Amino acid sequence: MAWTKQRKEATRHDLREALDAVLAGKPVAEARTKAIGCFIPKPRDGEQAKTGE
């Protein structure tokens, strides 16, 4: 993964998978990951920010 690549949606769901494992009483498969953040582009002039609704 790299900062320069833009994605329309997440390609991994590490937190969801970890929470599901904990709630099921199972060990977390990937307890640590490399955090790189995510790029959220700023809306262009005149555009509304997408809220996911």
C-alpha atoms as a PDB file:
ATOM      1  CA  MET A   1       0.000   0.000   0.000  1.00  0.00           C
ATOM      2  CA  ALA A   2       1.137   3.502  -0.646  1.00  0.00           C
ATOM      3  CA  TRP A   3       0.004   7.059  -0.008  1.00  0.00           C
ATOM      4  CA  THR A   4      -0.088   7.815  -3.707  1.00  0.00           C
ATOM      5  CA  LYS A   5      -2.772   5.276  -4.590  1.00  0.00           C
ATOM      6  CA  GLN A   6      -6.349   6.461  -4.219  1.00  0.00           C
ATOM      7  CA  ARG A   7      -9.115   3.939  -3.535  1.00  0.00           C
ATOM      8  CA  LYS A   8     -12.880   4.414  -3.612  1.00  0.00           C
ATOM      9  CA  GLU A   9     -13.336   2.064  -0.668  1.00  0.00           C
ATOM     10  CA  ALA A  10     -11.356   0.116   1.885  1.00  0.00           C
ATOM     11  CA  THR A  11      -9.526  -2.956   0.638  1.00  0.00           C
ATOM     12  CA  ARG A  12      -9.080  -4.439   4.129  1.00  0.00           C
ATOM     13  CA  HIS A  13     -11.265  -4.499   7.221  1.00  0.00           C
ATOM     14  CA  ASP A  14      -8.774  -5.229   9.999  1.00  0.00           C
ATOM     15  CA  LEU A  15     -10.713  -3.617  12.840  1.00  0.00           C
ATOM     16  CA  ARG A  16     -13.982  -5.341  11.913  1.00  0.00           C
ATOM     17  CA  GLU A  17     -12.235  -8.721  11.683  1.00  0.00           C
ATOM     18  CA  ALA A  18     -10.467  -8.201  15.027  1.00  0.00           C
ATOM     19  CA  LEU A  19     -13.694  -7.191  16.778  1.00  0.00           C
ATOM     20  CA  ASP A  20     -15.570 -10.150  15.296  1.00  0.00           C
ATOM     21  CA  ALA A  21     -12.864 -12.521  16.562  1.00  0.00           C
ATOM     22  CA  VAL A  22     -12.865 -11.017  20.068  1.00  0.00           C
ATOM     23  CA  LEU A  23     -16.664 -11.147  20.289  1.00  0.00           C
ATOM     24  CA  ALA A  24     -16.584 -14.788  19.162  1.00  0.00           C
ATOM     25  CA  GLY A  25     -14.000 -15.611  21.847  1.00  0.00           C
ATOM     26  CA  LYS A  26     -11.338 -16.393  19.246  1.00  0.00           C
ATOM     27  CA  PRO A  27      -7.792 -15.060  18.953  1.00  0.00           C
ATOM     28  CA  VAL A  28      -7.253 -12.114  16.639  1.00  0.00           C
ATOM     29  CA  ALA A  29      -5.598 -13.440  13.473  1.00  0.00           C
ATOM     30  CA  GLU A  30      -3.579 -10.308  12.765  1.00  0.00           C
ATOM     31  CA  ALA A  31      -3.018  -8.508  16.058  1.00  0.00           C
ATOM     32  CA  ARG A  32      -0.749  -5.836  14.547  1.00  0.00           C
ATOM     33  CA  THR A  33      -0.692  -4.130  11.200  1.00  0.00           C
ATOM     34  CA  LYS A  34       1.361  -1.354   9.697  1.00  0.00           C
ATOM     35  CA  ALA A  35      -0.689   1.823   9.974  1.00  0.00           C
ATOM     36  CA  ILE A  36      -0.402   4.040   6.930  1.00  0.00           C
ATOM     37  CA  GLY A  37      -3.691   5.883   7.241  1.00  0.00           C
ATOM     38  CA  CYS A  38      -5.988   6.602   4.380  1.00  0.00           C
ATOM     39  CA  PHE A  39      -6.125   9.382   1.863  1.00  0.00           C
ATOM     40  CA  ILE A  40      -9.376  11.335   2.018  1.00  0.00           C
ATOM     41  CA  PRO A  41      -9.451  13.888  -0.774  1.00  0.00           C
ATOM     42  CA  LYS A  42     -10.742  17.363  -0.067  1.00  0.00           C
ATOM     43  CA  PRO A  43     -13.888  18.231  -2.077  1.00  0.00           C
ATOM     44  CA  ARG A  44     -13.258  20.471  -5.065  1.00  0.00           C
ATOM     45  CA  ASP A  45     -14.785  23.935  -5.114  1.00  0.00           C
ATOM     46  CA  GLY A  46     -18.547  23.610  -5.475  1.00  0.00           C
ATOM     47  CA  GLU A  47     -18.616  19.876  -4.626  1.00  0.00           C
ATOM     48  CA  GLN A  48     -20.319  18.415  -1.582  1.00  0.00           C
ATOM     49  CA  ALA A  49     -18.270  16.119   0.653  1.00  0.00           C
ATOM     50  CA  LYS A  50     -19.430  12.495   0.477  1.00  0.00           C
ATOM     51  CA  THR A  51     -20.617  11.276   3.875  1.00  0.00           C
ATOM     52  CA  GLY A  52     -21.337   7.652   3.016  1.00  0.00           C
ATOM     53  CA  GLU A  53     -25.055   8.071   3.592  1.00  0.00           C
END
